[in-house]
Protein backbone atom coordinates (compact mmCIF):
# COMPACT_ATOMS: atom_id res chain seq x y z
CA MET A 1 -0.04 0.00 0.04
CA SER A 2 1.38 3.39 -1.02
CA LYS A 3 1.85 5.94 1.75
CA ARG A 4 -0.48 8.93 1.76
CA PRO A 5 1.42 12.04 0.68
CA GLU A 6 2.07 14.38 3.52
CA GLY A 7 -0.33 17.38 3.58
CA TRP A 8 0.25 21.03 4.49
CA LEU A 9 -0.88 20.42 7.99
CA GLU A 10 0.42 16.92 8.60
CA GLY A 11 0.56 16.11 12.28
CA LYS A 12 -0.91 19.42 13.33
CA VAL A 13 -4.01 20.21 15.54
CA ALA A 14 -6.55 22.75 14.40
CA VAL A 15 -9.66 24.39 15.79
CA VAL A 16 -12.27 25.84 13.54
CA THR A 17 -15.23 27.98 14.86
CA GLY A 18 -18.45 28.33 12.88
CA ALA A 19 -17.57 24.94 11.39
CA ALA A 20 -21.04 23.49 10.86
CA ASN A 21 -21.40 25.03 7.27
CA GLY A 22 -20.09 27.39 4.72
CA MET A 23 -16.47 28.70 4.98
CA GLY A 24 -15.88 27.06 8.34
CA ARG A 25 -17.03 23.56 7.18
CA ALA A 26 -15.03 23.69 3.97
CA THR A 27 -11.95 24.80 5.89
CA ALA A 28 -12.26 22.06 8.51
CA VAL A 29 -12.73 19.41 5.79
CA LEU A 30 -9.74 20.69 3.91
CA PHE A 31 -7.59 20.95 7.07
CA ALA A 32 -8.32 17.29 7.77
CA GLN A 33 -7.54 16.39 4.18
CA GLU A 34 -4.19 18.08 4.63
CA GLY A 35 -3.25 15.93 7.72
CA ALA A 36 -4.61 17.99 10.69
CA LYS A 37 -6.65 16.69 13.54
CA VAL A 38 -9.58 19.10 13.73
CA VAL A 39 -11.85 20.23 16.50
CA LEU A 40 -14.94 21.89 15.21
CA GLY A 41 -17.16 24.37 17.09
CA ASP A 42 -20.54 25.63 16.29
CA VAL A 43 -23.96 26.41 17.82
CA ASP A 44 -25.44 24.18 15.13
CA LYS A 45 -25.04 20.71 16.73
CA LYS A 46 -26.49 18.71 13.88
CA GLY A 47 -24.48 20.52 11.23
CA GLY A 48 -21.25 20.17 13.31
CA GLN A 49 -21.73 16.46 13.87
CA ASN A 50 -22.43 15.95 10.10
CA ALA A 51 -19.23 17.85 9.26
CA VAL A 52 -17.25 15.49 11.65
CA GLU A 53 -18.87 12.52 9.95
CA GLU A 54 -17.92 13.90 6.52
CA ILE A 55 -14.28 14.25 7.69
CA LYS A 56 -14.22 10.79 9.11
CA ASP A 57 -15.75 9.33 5.92
CA ARG A 58 -12.87 10.78 4.06
CA GLY A 59 -10.27 9.21 6.35
CA GLY A 60 -9.72 12.19 8.64
CA GLU A 61 -9.82 12.68 12.37
CA ALA A 62 -12.13 15.32 13.93
CA ALA A 63 -14.29 16.08 17.03
CA PHE A 64 -17.15 18.39 17.51
CA VAL A 65 -17.86 20.63 20.38
CA ALA A 66 -21.01 22.78 20.72
CA CYS A 67 -19.90 26.31 21.23
CA ASP A 68 -21.30 29.77 21.31
CA VAL A 69 -18.23 31.88 20.75
CA SER A 70 -19.75 34.92 22.46
CA LYS A 71 -19.37 32.97 25.72
CA GLU A 72 -15.86 32.75 26.99
CA ALA A 73 -16.34 29.61 29.03
CA GLU A 74 -17.58 27.73 25.91
CA VAL A 75 -14.58 28.93 23.94
CA ILE A 76 -12.23 27.71 26.63
CA ARG A 77 -14.00 24.36 26.54
CA LEU A 78 -13.66 24.13 22.68
CA ILE A 79 -9.88 24.96 22.68
CA GLY A 80 -9.37 22.77 25.74
CA THR A 81 -10.71 19.92 23.83
CA ALA A 82 -7.87 20.20 21.34
CA LYS A 83 -5.40 19.86 24.24
CA ARG A 84 -7.21 17.02 25.95
CA LYS A 85 -8.01 15.00 22.90
CA TYR A 86 -5.03 15.70 20.59
CA GLY A 87 -2.37 16.90 22.94
CA GLY A 88 -2.10 20.63 21.95
CA LEU A 89 -2.86 23.23 19.24
CA ASN A 90 -1.09 24.51 16.11
CA THR A 91 -3.68 26.65 14.36
CA ILE A 92 -7.12 28.08 14.87
CA PHE A 93 -9.44 29.71 12.30
CA ASN A 94 -11.72 32.14 14.08
CA ASN A 95 -14.56 32.00 11.61
CA ALA A 96 -17.88 32.11 13.53
CA GLY A 97 -19.90 35.31 12.79
CA ILE A 98 -23.24 36.71 11.94
CA GLU A 99 -24.44 39.52 9.76
CA GLN A 100 -26.62 42.54 10.42
CA PRO A 101 -29.73 42.75 8.38
CA VAL A 102 -29.53 45.68 6.11
CA THR A 103 -30.78 48.54 8.35
CA PRO A 104 -30.29 52.28 8.37
CA SER A 105 -27.70 53.02 11.02
CA HIS A 106 -29.98 55.24 13.06
CA GLU A 107 -32.48 52.39 13.31
CA VAL A 108 -29.93 49.79 14.64
CA SER A 109 -31.05 48.71 18.05
CA GLU A 110 -28.69 48.35 20.96
CA GLU A 111 -29.56 44.62 21.18
CA LEU A 112 -28.70 44.05 17.59
CA PHE A 113 -25.44 45.98 17.74
CA ASP A 114 -24.43 44.09 20.92
CA ARG A 115 -25.23 40.78 19.40
CA VAL A 116 -23.09 41.29 16.30
CA ILE A 117 -20.28 42.63 18.25
CA ALA A 118 -20.36 39.95 20.81
CA ILE A 119 -20.29 37.08 18.23
CA ASN A 120 -17.99 38.55 15.56
CA LEU A 121 -15.45 40.64 17.50
CA LYS A 122 -15.65 39.27 21.13
CA GLY A 123 -15.81 35.76 19.82
CA THR A 124 -12.75 36.24 17.69
CA PHE A 125 -10.90 37.80 20.68
CA PHE A 126 -11.78 34.83 22.98
CA GLY A 127 -10.50 32.46 20.35
CA CYS A 128 -7.21 34.32 20.04
CA LYS A 129 -6.86 34.79 23.79
CA HIS A 130 -7.23 31.15 24.64
CA ALA A 131 -5.38 29.72 21.62
CA ILE A 132 -2.25 31.79 22.31
CA PRO A 133 -1.14 29.93 25.48
CA LEU A 134 -1.30 26.62 23.71
CA LEU A 135 0.51 28.06 20.62
CA ARG A 136 3.14 29.27 22.89
CA GLN A 137 3.50 25.74 24.42
CA ALA A 138 3.83 24.40 20.93
CA GLY A 139 6.65 26.83 20.22
CA GLY A 140 4.63 28.76 17.80
CA GLY A 141 1.65 28.47 15.47
CA THR A 142 -0.95 30.41 13.36
CA ILE A 143 -4.13 32.24 13.95
CA VAL A 144 -6.45 33.11 11.04
CA ASN A 145 -9.34 35.45 11.72
CA ASN A 146 -12.33 35.97 9.43
CA SER A 147 -12.76 39.71 8.67
CA SER A 148 -14.39 41.01 5.57
CA VAL A 149 -14.26 43.39 2.65
CA SER A 150 -16.52 45.45 4.88
CA ALA A 151 -13.28 46.29 6.79
CA PHE A 152 -12.16 48.18 3.80
CA ALA A 153 -15.06 49.07 1.68
CA ASN A 154 -18.41 50.63 2.73
CA VAL A 155 -21.15 48.35 1.62
CA GLY A 156 -23.91 50.28 3.42
CA GLY A 157 -26.64 49.36 5.86
CA ASN A 158 -24.53 47.13 8.02
CA ILE A 159 -22.82 49.43 10.58
CA SER A 160 -22.57 46.79 13.33
CA TYR A 161 -21.14 44.18 10.97
CA GLY A 162 -18.70 46.54 9.32
CA ALA A 163 -17.47 47.85 12.68
CA SER A 164 -16.94 44.32 13.98
CA LYS A 165 -14.96 43.28 10.93
CA GLY A 166 -12.84 46.50 10.98
CA ALA A 167 -12.06 45.91 14.58
CA ILE A 168 -11.00 42.27 13.73
CA MET A 169 -8.46 43.72 11.36
CA SER A 170 -7.01 45.95 14.17
CA LEU A 171 -6.98 43.04 16.59
CA THR A 172 -5.16 40.90 14.03
CA ARG A 173 -2.42 43.48 13.44
CA ILE A 174 -1.98 44.10 17.29
CA LEU A 175 -1.61 40.41 18.02
CA ALA A 176 0.66 39.76 15.00
CA ILE A 177 3.15 42.38 16.35
CA GLU A 178 2.82 41.33 20.01
CA TYR A 179 3.54 37.61 19.46
CA ALA A 180 5.81 37.76 16.34
CA ARG A 181 8.88 36.96 18.33
CA GLU A 182 7.23 33.91 19.72
CA ASN A 183 6.77 32.47 16.23
CA ILE A 184 2.95 33.04 16.30
CA ARG A 185 1.67 34.42 13.07
CA VAL A 186 -1.68 36.16 13.10
CA ASN A 187 -3.51 37.03 9.81
CA ALA A 188 -7.04 37.59 8.53
CA ILE A 189 -8.99 36.82 5.49
CA CYS A 190 -11.31 39.39 4.04
CA PRO A 191 -13.96 37.61 1.93
CA GLY A 192 -16.24 39.33 -0.45
CA VAL A 193 -19.52 37.76 -1.61
CA ILE A 194 -19.32 34.02 -0.90
CA ASP A 195 -21.89 31.49 -1.75
CA THR A 196 -22.60 30.45 1.86
CA PRO A 197 -25.86 29.45 3.61
CA MET A 198 -25.74 32.89 5.26
CA ASN A 199 -25.86 34.72 2.01
CA GLN A 200 -28.47 32.37 0.63
CA ARG A 201 -30.65 33.36 3.59
CA ASN A 202 -29.90 37.11 2.93
CA LEU A 203 -31.27 36.49 -0.58
CA GLU A 204 -34.32 34.82 0.60
CA LYS A 205 -35.09 37.66 2.97
CA ALA A 206 -34.65 40.32 0.33
CA ALA A 207 -37.59 41.92 -1.16
CA ASP A 208 -36.09 41.50 -4.65
CA PRO A 209 -33.53 38.66 -4.59
CA ASP A 210 -32.67 39.04 -8.26
CA ALA A 211 -31.81 42.64 -7.75
CA VAL A 212 -29.63 41.86 -4.74
CA ARG A 213 -27.76 39.11 -6.74
CA GLU A 214 -27.27 41.42 -9.73
CA LYS A 215 -25.83 44.06 -7.45
CA TRP A 216 -23.43 41.46 -5.97
CA MET A 217 -22.34 40.54 -9.35
CA ALA A 218 -21.98 44.16 -10.48
CA VAL A 219 -19.54 45.01 -7.66
CA THR A 220 -17.47 41.86 -8.17
CA PRO A 221 -15.17 42.19 -11.25
CA LEU A 222 -14.93 38.38 -11.68
CA GLY A 223 -18.74 38.42 -12.11
CA ARG A 224 -19.58 35.59 -9.68
CA MET A 225 -19.77 34.69 -5.97
CA GLY A 226 -16.80 32.96 -4.44
CA THR A 227 -17.22 29.45 -3.10
CA PRO A 228 -16.43 28.27 0.55
CA GLU A 229 -13.82 25.97 -0.91
CA GLU A 230 -11.96 28.97 -2.57
CA VAL A 231 -11.91 30.57 0.91
CA ALA A 232 -10.78 27.36 2.62
CA ARG A 233 -7.68 27.15 0.32
CA THR A 234 -6.75 30.66 1.26
CA VAL A 235 -7.14 29.93 5.08
CA LEU A 236 -5.03 26.77 4.50
CA TYR A 237 -2.24 28.91 3.01
CA LEU A 238 -2.30 31.31 6.01
CA ALA A 239 -2.45 28.49 8.57
CA SER A 240 0.44 26.54 7.06
CA GLU A 241 4.22 26.96 6.64
CA MET A 242 3.58 28.01 3.05
CA SER A 243 3.00 31.58 4.49
CA SER A 244 5.87 31.37 6.85
CA PHE A 245 6.96 35.03 6.46
CA THR A 246 3.45 36.47 6.45
CA THR A 247 1.87 38.03 9.47
CA GLY A 248 -0.39 40.96 10.26
CA ILE A 249 -2.24 41.01 6.95
CA GLY A 250 -5.86 40.97 5.74
CA LEU A 251 -5.96 38.86 2.58
CA LEU A 252 -8.75 39.85 0.26
CA ILE A 253 -10.80 36.96 -1.38
CA ASP A 254 -13.25 39.26 -3.12
CA GLY A 255 -13.12 38.70 -6.82
CA GLY A 256 -11.60 42.13 -7.28
CA ARG A 257 -14.17 44.15 -5.42
CA VAL A 258 -11.97 46.31 -3.29
CA ALA A 259 -9.67 47.05 -6.23
CA THR A 260 -12.59 48.86 -7.91
């Protein structure tokens, strides 16, 4: 029997939040294909378990932990599972997030603003905070945070979402500099319009889904939505030694949107 070629994350341990579907699930599956043992976290228990089964069916190793990233104790439990089950941690993809329904800024409620910030920004902070001690124990590692084109370009009607994603970029740069000498690299991805269940729900809620889809295509020079698998390949690059001299960046995956 021929030996399986070593993958980009061979022998590594990874945590992925928001891993039940979309970009998180595609990344968890790819990480496992590339040799990592993966701990998946999500509030969607059924989707998370299904993702683990998919990984195992493909010959990978994974575990699921129900996790609301806005709750620090649950993030501690998620990351602690990597240590208890697989012996440590080498990389984390802080992907979990929600969007703000398109709303004029003066109509955004305190409850909505707090919820978006709690999940997107505070959840990312918790993931970084509790991953770093394990990465230090491992002699280094990588953190990839999910920001957005909204950190660079005003897309309108989503002040809480844009604020959270802009703050994630600041958080990413601060941590990248603070822990660079400890061989911990911290980067972010900044996706544009990606064909995820969240964006499909946004289309379903829209008064004119065709008009929204047409607008998305118009602001994307490549003329289509990105796929979760395309995002996953970029996350893999930043999580692996292939990007060994890269830290503190926000890598656009937007089909050319910001360049316009």
